N, C-alpha and C. Protein backbone atom coordinates (compact mmCIF):
# COMPACT_ATOMS: atom_id res chain seq x y z
N UNK A 1 0.84 -1.18 0.00
CA UNK A 1 0.00 0.00 0.00
C UNK A 1 0.88 1.24 0.00
N UNK A 2 0.35 2.30 -0.55
CA UNK A 2 1.01 3.61 -0.60
C UNK A 2 2.26 3.61 -1.48
N UNK A 3 2.35 2.67 -2.42
CA UNK A 3 3.52 2.60 -3.28
C UNK A 3 3.29 3.21 -4.65
N UNK A 4 2.08 3.58 -4.98
CA UNK A 4 1.78 4.16 -6.28
C UNK A 4 1.28 3.15 -7.30
N UNK A 5 0.82 1.98 -6.86
CA UNK A 5 0.32 0.96 -7.80
C UNK A 5 -0.84 1.48 -8.63
N UNK A 6 -1.81 2.07 -7.98
CA UNK A 6 -2.99 2.57 -8.70
C UNK A 6 -2.61 3.75 -9.58
N UNK A 7 -1.74 4.62 -9.09
CA UNK A 7 -1.27 5.73 -9.94
C UNK A 7 -0.60 5.21 -11.20
N UNK A 8 0.19 4.16 -11.08
CA UNK A 8 0.86 3.58 -12.25
C UNK A 8 -0.16 2.94 -13.19
N UNK A 9 -1.16 2.28 -12.65
CA UNK A 9 -2.23 1.72 -13.48
C UNK A 9 -2.92 2.84 -14.25
N UNK A 10 -3.29 3.90 -13.56
CA UNK A 10 -3.95 5.05 -14.20
C UNK A 10 -3.05 5.64 -15.27
N UNK A 11 -1.77 5.80 -14.99
CA UNK A 11 -0.83 6.36 -15.97
C UNK A 11 -0.80 5.50 -17.23
N UNK A 12 -0.71 4.19 -17.06
CA UNK A 12 -0.63 3.29 -18.23
C UNK A 12 -1.94 3.28 -19.01
N UNK A 13 -3.04 3.34 -18.33
CA UNK A 13 -4.34 3.38 -19.01
C UNK A 13 -4.48 4.69 -19.79
N UNK A 14 -4.09 5.80 -19.17
CA UNK A 14 -4.17 7.09 -19.87
C UNK A 14 -3.28 7.11 -21.11
N UNK A 15 -2.13 6.48 -21.05
CA UNK A 15 -1.26 6.40 -22.23
C UNK A 15 -1.93 5.59 -23.35
N UNK A 16 -2.62 4.54 -22.99
CA UNK A 16 -3.36 3.75 -23.98
C UNK A 16 -4.47 4.60 -24.61
N UNK A 17 -5.16 5.39 -23.79
CA UNK A 17 -6.21 6.27 -24.30
C UNK A 17 -5.61 7.31 -25.24
N UNK A 18 -4.47 7.90 -24.85
CA UNK A 18 -3.80 8.86 -25.74
C UNK A 18 -3.42 8.20 -27.06
N UNK A 19 -3.10 6.92 -27.01
CA UNK A 19 -2.76 6.17 -28.20
C UNK A 19 -3.99 5.71 -28.98
N UNK A 20 -5.15 6.23 -28.61
CA UNK A 20 -6.41 5.95 -29.27
C UNK A 20 -6.82 4.48 -29.23
N UNK A 21 -6.42 3.81 -28.15
CA UNK A 21 -6.84 2.43 -27.96
C UNK A 21 -8.15 2.41 -27.15
N UNK A 22 -8.97 1.40 -27.42
CA UNK A 22 -10.22 1.25 -26.69
C UNK A 22 -9.90 0.55 -25.37
N UNK A 23 -10.26 1.21 -24.27
CA UNK A 23 -9.88 0.77 -22.93
C UNK A 23 -11.11 0.55 -22.06
N UNK A 24 -11.06 -0.49 -21.23
CA UNK A 24 -12.05 -0.69 -20.18
C UNK A 24 -11.31 -1.00 -18.89
N UNK A 25 -11.79 -0.41 -17.80
CA UNK A 25 -11.15 -0.58 -16.50
C UNK A 25 -12.16 -1.18 -15.53
N UNK A 26 -11.68 -2.11 -14.70
CA UNK A 26 -12.53 -2.79 -13.73
C UNK A 26 -11.91 -2.68 -12.34
N UNK A 27 -12.78 -2.69 -11.35
CA UNK A 27 -12.33 -2.68 -9.96
C UNK A 27 -13.26 -3.56 -9.15
N UNK A 28 -12.79 -4.10 -8.03
CA UNK A 28 -13.68 -4.88 -7.18
C UNK A 28 -14.71 -3.98 -6.50
N UNK A 29 -15.95 -4.41 -6.54
CA UNK A 29 -17.02 -3.65 -5.88
C UNK A 29 -16.71 -3.46 -4.39
N UNK A 30 -16.00 -4.43 -3.82
CA UNK A 30 -15.59 -4.40 -2.42
C UNK A 30 -14.77 -3.15 -2.08
N UNK A 31 -14.00 -2.64 -3.04
CA UNK A 31 -13.12 -1.50 -2.79
C UNK A 31 -13.86 -0.19 -3.08
N UNK A 32 -14.55 0.30 -2.08
CA UNK A 32 -15.29 1.55 -2.23
C UNK A 32 -14.73 2.65 -1.33
N UNK A 33 -13.43 2.57 -1.04
CA UNK A 33 -12.81 3.52 -0.11
C UNK A 33 -12.98 4.96 -0.54
N UNK A 34 -12.72 5.26 -1.79
CA UNK A 34 -12.76 6.64 -2.27
C UNK A 34 -13.96 6.92 -3.16
N UNK A 35 -14.43 5.89 -3.87
CA UNK A 35 -15.52 6.08 -4.80
C UNK A 35 -16.13 4.73 -5.15
N UNK A 36 -17.42 4.70 -5.40
CA UNK A 36 -18.10 3.44 -5.74
C UNK A 36 -17.72 2.93 -7.12
N UNK A 37 -17.53 3.85 -8.08
CA UNK A 37 -17.32 3.42 -9.46
C UNK A 37 -15.97 3.80 -10.05
N UNK A 38 -15.29 4.75 -9.49
CA UNK A 38 -14.02 5.17 -10.06
C UNK A 38 -12.85 4.50 -9.34
N UNK A 39 -11.80 4.21 -10.11
CA UNK A 39 -10.52 3.82 -9.53
C UNK A 39 -9.88 5.12 -9.07
N UNK A 40 -9.49 5.19 -7.80
CA UNK A 40 -8.94 6.43 -7.24
C UNK A 40 -7.66 6.09 -6.49
N UNK A 41 -6.60 6.84 -6.80
CA UNK A 41 -5.34 6.64 -6.09
C UNK A 41 -5.37 7.41 -4.77
N UNK A 42 -4.40 7.12 -3.90
CA UNK A 42 -4.32 7.84 -2.63
C UNK A 42 -4.10 9.33 -2.85
N UNK A 43 -3.50 9.68 -4.00
CA UNK A 43 -3.27 11.09 -4.31
C UNK A 43 -4.42 11.69 -5.11
N UNK A 44 -5.55 10.96 -5.18
CA UNK A 44 -6.79 11.42 -5.78
C UNK A 44 -6.80 11.48 -7.31
N UNK A 45 -5.89 10.78 -7.99
CA UNK A 45 -6.04 10.60 -9.43
C UNK A 45 -7.21 9.66 -9.63
N UNK A 46 -8.02 9.91 -10.68
CA UNK A 46 -9.23 9.13 -10.86
C UNK A 46 -9.35 8.61 -12.28
N UNK A 47 -10.07 7.50 -12.39
CA UNK A 47 -10.29 6.87 -13.68
C UNK A 47 -11.64 6.15 -13.62
N UNK A 48 -12.46 6.35 -14.61
CA UNK A 48 -13.76 5.68 -14.66
C UNK A 48 -13.56 4.18 -14.78
N UNK A 49 -14.34 3.43 -14.02
CA UNK A 49 -14.22 1.97 -14.05
C UNK A 49 -15.58 1.32 -13.88
N UNK A 50 -15.58 0.03 -14.05
CA UNK A 50 -16.78 -0.77 -13.84
C UNK A 50 -16.55 -1.62 -12.60
N UNK A 51 -17.32 -1.40 -11.53
CA UNK A 51 -17.15 -2.22 -10.32
C UNK A 51 -17.80 -3.59 -10.54
N UNK A 52 -17.10 -4.65 -10.17
CA UNK A 52 -17.60 -6.01 -10.35
C UNK A 52 -17.35 -6.82 -9.08
N UNK A 53 -18.14 -7.86 -8.89
CA UNK A 53 -17.98 -8.77 -7.75
C UNK A 53 -16.94 -9.84 -8.06
N UNK A 54 -17.03 -10.42 -9.26
CA UNK A 54 -16.18 -11.55 -9.64
C UNK A 54 -15.48 -11.25 -10.96
N UNK A 55 -14.29 -11.76 -11.12
CA UNK A 55 -13.49 -11.50 -12.32
C UNK A 55 -14.20 -11.94 -13.60
N UNK A 56 -14.97 -13.02 -13.53
CA UNK A 56 -15.69 -13.51 -14.71
C UNK A 56 -16.64 -12.47 -15.29
N UNK A 57 -17.10 -11.53 -14.48
CA UNK A 57 -18.02 -10.50 -14.95
C UNK A 57 -17.38 -9.61 -16.02
N UNK A 58 -16.08 -9.59 -16.07
CA UNK A 58 -15.40 -8.79 -17.10
C UNK A 58 -15.90 -9.19 -18.48
N UNK A 59 -16.08 -10.48 -18.72
CA UNK A 59 -16.54 -10.95 -20.03
C UNK A 59 -17.93 -10.43 -20.36
N UNK A 60 -18.79 -10.23 -19.37
CA UNK A 60 -20.14 -9.73 -19.61
C UNK A 60 -20.15 -8.24 -19.97
N UNK A 61 -19.14 -7.52 -19.51
CA UNK A 61 -19.05 -6.08 -19.76
C UNK A 61 -18.13 -5.74 -20.93
N UNK A 62 -17.39 -6.70 -21.41
CA UNK A 62 -16.34 -6.45 -22.40
C UNK A 62 -16.93 -6.07 -23.76
N UNK A 63 -16.47 -4.96 -24.27
CA UNK A 63 -16.86 -4.53 -25.61
C UNK A 63 -16.02 -5.30 -26.63
N UNK A 64 -16.60 -5.65 -27.77
CA UNK A 64 -15.83 -6.36 -28.80
C UNK A 64 -14.65 -5.54 -29.34
N UNK A 65 -14.70 -4.23 -29.14
CA UNK A 65 -13.63 -3.36 -29.65
C UNK A 65 -12.52 -3.11 -28.63
N UNK A 66 -12.69 -3.60 -27.40
CA UNK A 66 -11.71 -3.34 -26.34
C UNK A 66 -10.35 -3.90 -26.69
N UNK A 67 -9.32 -3.06 -26.55
CA UNK A 67 -7.94 -3.45 -26.82
C UNK A 67 -7.12 -3.57 -25.54
N UNK A 68 -7.52 -2.83 -24.50
CA UNK A 68 -6.78 -2.81 -23.24
C UNK A 68 -7.77 -2.94 -22.08
N UNK A 69 -7.46 -3.85 -21.16
CA UNK A 69 -8.26 -4.00 -19.94
C UNK A 69 -7.36 -3.69 -18.76
N UNK A 70 -7.84 -2.82 -17.88
CA UNK A 70 -7.14 -2.52 -16.63
C UNK A 70 -7.94 -3.08 -15.46
N UNK A 71 -7.25 -3.66 -14.49
CA UNK A 71 -7.90 -4.20 -13.30
C UNK A 71 -7.15 -3.69 -12.07
N UNK A 72 -7.84 -2.97 -11.22
CA UNK A 72 -7.23 -2.47 -9.99
C UNK A 72 -7.54 -3.41 -8.84
N UNK A 73 -6.66 -3.44 -7.84
CA UNK A 73 -6.82 -4.25 -6.64
C UNK A 73 -7.15 -5.71 -7.00
N UNK A 74 -6.37 -6.24 -7.92
CA UNK A 74 -6.61 -7.58 -8.48
C UNK A 74 -6.61 -8.67 -7.43
N UNK A 75 -5.92 -8.47 -6.32
CA UNK A 75 -5.85 -9.50 -5.28
C UNK A 75 -7.21 -9.80 -4.68
N UNK A 76 -8.17 -8.88 -4.78
CA UNK A 76 -9.49 -9.10 -4.22
C UNK A 76 -10.36 -10.04 -5.05
N UNK A 77 -9.91 -10.41 -6.24
CA UNK A 77 -10.71 -11.28 -7.10
C UNK A 77 -10.40 -12.76 -6.93
N UNK A 78 -9.38 -13.10 -6.17
CA UNK A 78 -9.07 -14.51 -5.97
C UNK A 78 -8.46 -15.15 -7.20
N UNK A 79 -8.27 -16.45 -7.14
CA UNK A 79 -7.52 -17.14 -8.19
C UNK A 79 -8.25 -17.22 -9.52
N UNK A 80 -9.58 -17.03 -9.54
CA UNK A 80 -10.29 -17.07 -10.82
C UNK A 80 -9.82 -15.98 -11.78
N UNK A 81 -9.27 -14.90 -11.25
CA UNK A 81 -8.83 -13.80 -12.12
C UNK A 81 -7.66 -14.21 -13.01
N UNK A 82 -6.91 -15.22 -12.61
CA UNK A 82 -5.77 -15.68 -13.42
C UNK A 82 -6.27 -16.21 -14.76
N UNK A 83 -7.28 -17.07 -14.74
CA UNK A 83 -7.84 -17.62 -15.98
C UNK A 83 -8.47 -16.52 -16.83
N UNK A 84 -9.10 -15.55 -16.18
CA UNK A 84 -9.72 -14.44 -16.91
C UNK A 84 -8.64 -13.61 -17.61
N UNK A 85 -7.57 -13.27 -16.91
CA UNK A 85 -6.47 -12.50 -17.51
C UNK A 85 -5.82 -13.28 -18.66
N UNK A 86 -5.63 -14.56 -18.45
CA UNK A 86 -5.04 -15.41 -19.49
C UNK A 86 -5.94 -15.45 -20.73
N UNK A 87 -7.24 -15.60 -20.54
CA UNK A 87 -8.18 -15.64 -21.66
C UNK A 87 -8.19 -14.31 -22.42
N UNK A 88 -8.17 -13.20 -21.68
CA UNK A 88 -8.14 -11.88 -22.32
C UNK A 88 -6.86 -11.71 -23.13
N UNK A 89 -5.73 -12.06 -22.54
CA UNK A 89 -4.45 -11.94 -23.25
C UNK A 89 -4.41 -12.83 -24.48
N UNK A 90 -4.98 -14.02 -24.38
CA UNK A 90 -5.01 -14.93 -25.53
C UNK A 90 -5.89 -14.41 -26.66
N UNK A 91 -6.81 -13.50 -26.35
CA UNK A 91 -7.64 -12.84 -27.37
C UNK A 91 -6.91 -11.66 -28.01
N UNK A 92 -5.71 -11.37 -27.50
CA UNK A 92 -4.95 -10.24 -28.03
C UNK A 92 -5.20 -8.94 -27.29
N UNK A 93 -5.87 -9.01 -26.17
CA UNK A 93 -6.14 -7.82 -25.36
C UNK A 93 -4.98 -7.62 -24.40
N UNK A 94 -4.50 -6.39 -24.33
CA UNK A 94 -3.46 -6.06 -23.35
C UNK A 94 -4.13 -5.95 -21.99
N UNK A 95 -3.60 -6.65 -21.01
CA UNK A 95 -4.17 -6.67 -19.66
C UNK A 95 -3.16 -6.02 -18.71
N UNK A 96 -3.62 -4.99 -18.01
CA UNK A 96 -2.79 -4.29 -17.04
C UNK A 96 -3.46 -4.43 -15.69
N UNK A 97 -2.77 -5.02 -14.73
CA UNK A 97 -3.35 -5.20 -13.40
C UNK A 97 -2.48 -4.52 -12.35
N UNK A 98 -3.12 -4.12 -11.27
CA UNK A 98 -2.42 -3.57 -10.11
C UNK A 98 -2.96 -4.26 -8.87
N UNK A 99 -2.05 -4.64 -7.97
CA UNK A 99 -2.50 -5.28 -6.75
C UNK A 99 -1.35 -5.55 -5.81
N UNK A 100 -1.70 -5.99 -4.62
CA UNK A 100 -0.71 -6.31 -3.60
C UNK A 100 -0.17 -7.72 -3.81
N UNK A 101 1.14 -7.88 -3.67
CA UNK A 101 1.72 -9.22 -3.79
C UNK A 101 1.89 -9.91 -2.45
N UNK A 102 1.68 -9.16 -1.34
CA UNK A 102 1.77 -9.73 0.00
C UNK A 102 0.58 -9.25 0.83
N UNK A 103 0.14 -10.11 1.75
CA UNK A 103 -0.90 -9.69 2.67
C UNK A 103 -0.27 -8.95 3.86
N UNK A 104 -1.08 -8.61 4.84
CA UNK A 104 -0.58 -7.82 5.97
C UNK A 104 0.42 -8.58 6.83
N UNK A 105 0.50 -9.91 6.67
CA UNK A 105 1.48 -10.69 7.42
C UNK A 105 2.75 -10.93 6.62
N UNK A 106 2.83 -10.36 5.43
CA UNK A 106 4.02 -10.52 4.60
C UNK A 106 4.04 -11.82 3.82
N UNK A 107 2.88 -12.49 3.72
CA UNK A 107 2.79 -13.74 2.97
C UNK A 107 2.28 -13.47 1.56
N UNK A 108 2.64 -14.31 0.58
CA UNK A 108 2.14 -14.11 -0.78
C UNK A 108 0.61 -13.99 -0.80
N UNK A 109 0.14 -13.01 -1.54
CA UNK A 109 -1.29 -12.71 -1.62
C UNK A 109 -1.80 -13.24 -2.95
N UNK A 110 -2.49 -14.39 -2.86
CA UNK A 110 -3.06 -14.97 -4.08
C UNK A 110 -4.05 -13.98 -4.67
N UNK A 111 -4.08 -13.86 -5.94
CA UNK A 111 -3.48 -14.64 -7.02
C UNK A 111 -2.22 -14.02 -7.61
N UNK A 112 -1.61 -13.07 -6.91
CA UNK A 112 -0.47 -12.36 -7.50
C UNK A 112 0.69 -13.28 -7.90
N UNK A 113 1.07 -14.28 -7.13
CA UNK A 113 2.18 -15.13 -7.60
C UNK A 113 1.91 -15.76 -8.97
N UNK A 114 0.67 -16.21 -9.19
CA UNK A 114 0.34 -16.80 -10.48
C UNK A 114 0.34 -15.75 -11.59
N UNK A 115 -0.19 -14.56 -11.30
CA UNK A 115 -0.19 -13.50 -12.30
C UNK A 115 1.22 -13.05 -12.65
N UNK A 116 2.06 -12.96 -11.63
CA UNK A 116 3.46 -12.59 -11.89
C UNK A 116 4.14 -13.61 -12.79
N UNK A 117 3.79 -14.87 -12.61
CA UNK A 117 4.42 -15.94 -13.40
C UNK A 117 4.02 -15.90 -14.87
N UNK A 118 2.79 -15.47 -15.18
CA UNK A 118 2.35 -15.49 -16.58
C UNK A 118 2.47 -14.13 -17.27
N UNK A 119 2.84 -13.09 -16.53
CA UNK A 119 2.93 -11.75 -17.10
C UNK A 119 4.16 -11.60 -17.98
N UNK A 120 3.99 -10.82 -19.05
CA UNK A 120 5.13 -10.49 -19.89
C UNK A 120 6.02 -9.42 -19.24
N UNK A 121 5.37 -8.49 -18.54
CA UNK A 121 6.09 -7.40 -17.88
C UNK A 121 5.61 -7.28 -16.44
N UNK A 122 6.54 -7.02 -15.54
CA UNK A 122 6.21 -6.84 -14.13
C UNK A 122 6.96 -5.61 -13.62
N UNK A 123 6.23 -4.72 -12.95
CA UNK A 123 6.82 -3.57 -12.29
C UNK A 123 6.44 -3.65 -10.83
N UNK A 124 7.41 -3.71 -9.96
CA UNK A 124 7.12 -3.75 -8.52
C UNK A 124 7.34 -2.36 -7.95
N UNK A 125 6.25 -1.77 -7.46
CA UNK A 125 6.30 -0.45 -6.87
C UNK A 125 6.58 -0.60 -5.37
N UNK A 126 7.48 0.19 -4.84
CA UNK A 126 7.76 0.18 -3.41
C UNK A 126 7.36 1.51 -2.79
N UNK A 127 6.87 1.43 -1.58
CA UNK A 127 6.53 2.61 -0.80
C UNK A 127 7.75 3.02 0.02
N UNK A 128 7.55 3.91 0.96
CA UNK A 128 8.59 4.34 1.89
C UNK A 128 8.16 3.93 3.30
N UNK A 129 9.03 3.24 4.01
CA UNK A 129 8.73 2.79 5.37
C UNK A 129 8.53 4.01 6.28
N UNK A 130 7.39 4.04 6.99
CA UNK A 130 7.11 5.17 7.87
C UNK A 130 7.93 5.14 9.14
N UNK A 131 8.59 4.03 9.44
CA UNK A 131 9.40 3.92 10.64
C UNK A 131 10.82 4.39 10.39
N UNK A 132 11.45 3.88 9.32
CA UNK A 132 12.87 4.16 9.11
C UNK A 132 13.18 4.91 7.81
N UNK A 133 12.22 5.03 6.90
CA UNK A 133 12.44 5.76 5.66
C UNK A 133 13.04 4.95 4.52
N UNK A 134 13.29 3.67 4.72
CA UNK A 134 13.82 2.82 3.66
C UNK A 134 12.69 2.37 2.72
N UNK A 135 13.04 1.81 1.57
CA UNK A 135 12.01 1.26 0.69
C UNK A 135 11.18 0.21 1.43
N UNK A 136 9.86 0.27 1.22
CA UNK A 136 8.93 -0.61 1.95
C UNK A 136 8.15 -1.46 0.97
N UNK A 137 8.14 -2.76 1.22
CA UNK A 137 7.38 -3.67 0.37
C UNK A 137 6.28 -4.39 1.14
N UNK A 138 5.96 -3.94 2.33
CA UNK A 138 4.95 -4.61 3.16
C UNK A 138 3.93 -3.61 3.67
N UNK A 139 2.76 -4.13 4.02
CA UNK A 139 1.68 -3.32 4.57
C UNK A 139 1.47 -3.71 6.02
N UNK A 140 1.70 -2.78 6.91
CA UNK A 140 1.49 -3.03 8.33
C UNK A 140 0.05 -2.72 8.67
N UNK A 141 -0.70 -3.71 9.13
CA UNK A 141 -2.08 -3.47 9.54
C UNK A 141 -2.06 -2.84 10.92
N UNK A 142 -2.86 -1.80 11.08
CA UNK A 142 -2.91 -1.07 12.34
C UNK A 142 -4.19 -1.34 13.11
N UNK A 143 -5.14 -2.00 12.47
CA UNK A 143 -6.41 -2.31 13.13
C UNK A 143 -6.45 -3.80 13.43
N UNK A 144 -7.09 -4.15 14.51
CA UNK A 144 -7.16 -5.54 14.93
C UNK A 144 -8.29 -6.25 14.20
N UNK A 145 -7.95 -7.30 13.48
CA UNK A 145 -8.94 -8.12 12.78
C UNK A 145 -8.31 -9.45 12.44
N UNK A 146 -9.07 -10.51 12.54
CA UNK A 146 -8.59 -11.83 12.17
C UNK A 146 -8.78 -12.11 10.69
N UNK A 147 -9.47 -11.23 9.98
CA UNK A 147 -9.72 -11.41 8.55
C UNK A 147 -8.47 -11.11 7.74
N UNK A 148 -8.29 -11.88 6.67
CA UNK A 148 -7.15 -11.62 5.80
C UNK A 148 -7.35 -10.32 5.03
N UNK A 149 -8.57 -10.07 4.61
CA UNK A 149 -8.87 -8.87 3.82
C UNK A 149 -9.65 -7.89 4.67
N UNK A 150 -9.06 -6.73 4.88
CA UNK A 150 -9.72 -5.59 5.52
C UNK A 150 -9.43 -4.40 4.62
N UNK A 151 -10.46 -3.92 3.93
CA UNK A 151 -10.26 -2.81 3.01
C UNK A 151 -10.03 -1.56 3.83
N UNK A 152 -8.95 -0.87 3.53
CA UNK A 152 -8.64 0.35 4.27
C UNK A 152 -7.51 1.11 3.64
N UNK A 153 -7.26 2.29 4.14
CA UNK A 153 -6.19 3.13 3.63
C UNK A 153 -5.43 3.68 4.82
N UNK A 154 -5.06 4.97 4.77
CA UNK A 154 -4.35 5.58 5.88
C UNK A 154 -5.18 5.43 7.15
N UNK A 155 -4.55 5.03 8.23
CA UNK A 155 -5.24 4.79 9.48
C UNK A 155 -5.46 3.30 9.73
N UNK A 156 -5.61 2.52 8.66
CA UNK A 156 -5.79 1.08 8.79
C UNK A 156 -4.49 0.34 8.47
N UNK A 157 -3.69 0.92 7.59
CA UNK A 157 -2.43 0.33 7.15
C UNK A 157 -1.38 1.42 7.01
N UNK A 158 -0.13 1.01 7.06
CA UNK A 158 0.96 1.89 6.71
C UNK A 158 2.09 1.06 6.10
N UNK A 159 2.90 1.71 5.32
CA UNK A 159 4.00 1.04 4.63
C UNK A 159 5.14 0.75 5.59
N UNK A 160 5.70 -0.45 5.49
CA UNK A 160 6.84 -0.84 6.32
C UNK A 160 7.83 -1.64 5.47
N UNK A 161 9.09 -1.54 5.85
CA UNK A 161 10.13 -2.37 5.24
C UNK A 161 10.14 -3.72 5.95
N UNK A 162 10.92 -4.64 5.46
CA UNK A 162 11.01 -5.99 6.06
C UNK A 162 11.42 -5.90 7.53
N UNK A 163 12.40 -5.04 7.82
CA UNK A 163 12.93 -4.94 9.19
C UNK A 163 11.90 -4.37 10.18
N UNK A 164 11.10 -3.42 9.74
CA UNK A 164 10.17 -2.74 10.64
C UNK A 164 8.78 -3.37 10.67
N UNK A 165 8.51 -4.29 9.79
CA UNK A 165 7.20 -4.93 9.71
C UNK A 165 7.00 -5.95 10.84
N UNK A 166 5.81 -6.01 11.37
CA UNK A 166 5.43 -7.01 12.37
C UNK A 166 4.25 -7.78 11.79
N UNK A 167 4.25 -9.09 11.96
CA UNK A 167 3.18 -9.93 11.39
C UNK A 167 1.82 -9.65 12.02
N UNK A 168 1.82 -9.18 13.24
CA UNK A 168 0.56 -8.87 13.91
C UNK A 168 0.33 -7.36 13.88
N UNK A 169 -0.94 -6.93 13.95
CA UNK A 169 -1.23 -5.49 13.96
C UNK A 169 -0.50 -4.78 15.10
N UNK A 170 -0.11 -3.55 14.82
CA UNK A 170 0.54 -2.72 15.84
C UNK A 170 -0.17 -1.39 15.92
N UNK A 171 0.11 -0.65 16.97
CA UNK A 171 -0.42 0.70 17.05
C UNK A 171 0.28 1.55 16.01
N UNK A 172 -0.40 2.57 15.56
CA UNK A 172 0.17 3.47 14.55
C UNK A 172 1.45 4.11 15.08
N UNK A 173 2.35 4.40 14.17
CA UNK A 173 3.55 5.11 14.54
C UNK A 173 3.18 6.55 14.87
N UNK A 174 4.07 7.29 15.51
CA UNK A 174 3.74 8.66 15.89
C UNK A 174 3.28 9.51 14.70
N UNK A 175 2.33 10.40 14.90
CA UNK A 175 1.75 11.18 13.81
C UNK A 175 2.75 11.90 12.91
N UNK A 176 3.91 12.31 13.42
CA UNK A 176 4.85 13.04 12.58
C UNK A 176 5.34 12.21 11.40
N UNK A 177 5.22 10.89 11.44
CA UNK A 177 5.65 10.08 10.29
C UNK A 177 4.58 10.00 9.22
N UNK A 178 3.34 10.35 9.53
CA UNK A 178 2.27 10.22 8.55
C UNK A 178 2.37 11.23 7.42
N UNK A 179 3.19 12.27 7.56
CA UNK A 179 3.32 13.23 6.48
C UNK A 179 4.07 12.68 5.27
N UNK A 180 4.53 11.43 5.35
CA UNK A 180 5.16 10.80 4.21
C UNK A 180 4.15 10.41 3.14
N UNK A 181 2.86 10.38 3.46
CA UNK A 181 1.84 9.94 2.52
C UNK A 181 1.01 11.12 2.04
N UNK A 182 0.55 11.01 0.83
CA UNK A 182 -0.42 11.96 0.34
C UNK A 182 -1.79 11.40 0.68
N UNK A 183 -2.59 12.15 1.39
CA UNK A 183 -3.92 11.66 1.80
C UNK A 183 -4.96 12.17 0.86
């Protein structure tokens, strides 16, 4: 979280639009943190999208002219999204996805390992650790929950490096470190 994944997805989609390609963007209906229908980055960049419950719904919304499909927060769709992405790519559609590769405990977050394995290109975005300032590849959960998925942003999670990450939720770091994020 807070690494710019959604911003990068938006940037790549906008480049496809500038290139006059037909684009469709999807997001999990579950992710309504900033908007019900738009993909929104933490820095408030926005992109129109279609909210869906399951990855298979992409086929029901897909226009025959679509050349590029973007999917935000892909980890929320589970392993079925792998077959959907593969089928789209096999049709000649460029598929751009953004999502977390680790859960709050630092474990692989399915389906990202499978998507990483079949992707032609992979860009790993890193945040900045709010504790020490080093590159951060983990999300520290700050709220207590036994659920693997808790949708949240600033206040629920913060970026941590391997050294500063704890597998269990912790109290938030002192407020002066929160200025590292754009809210």
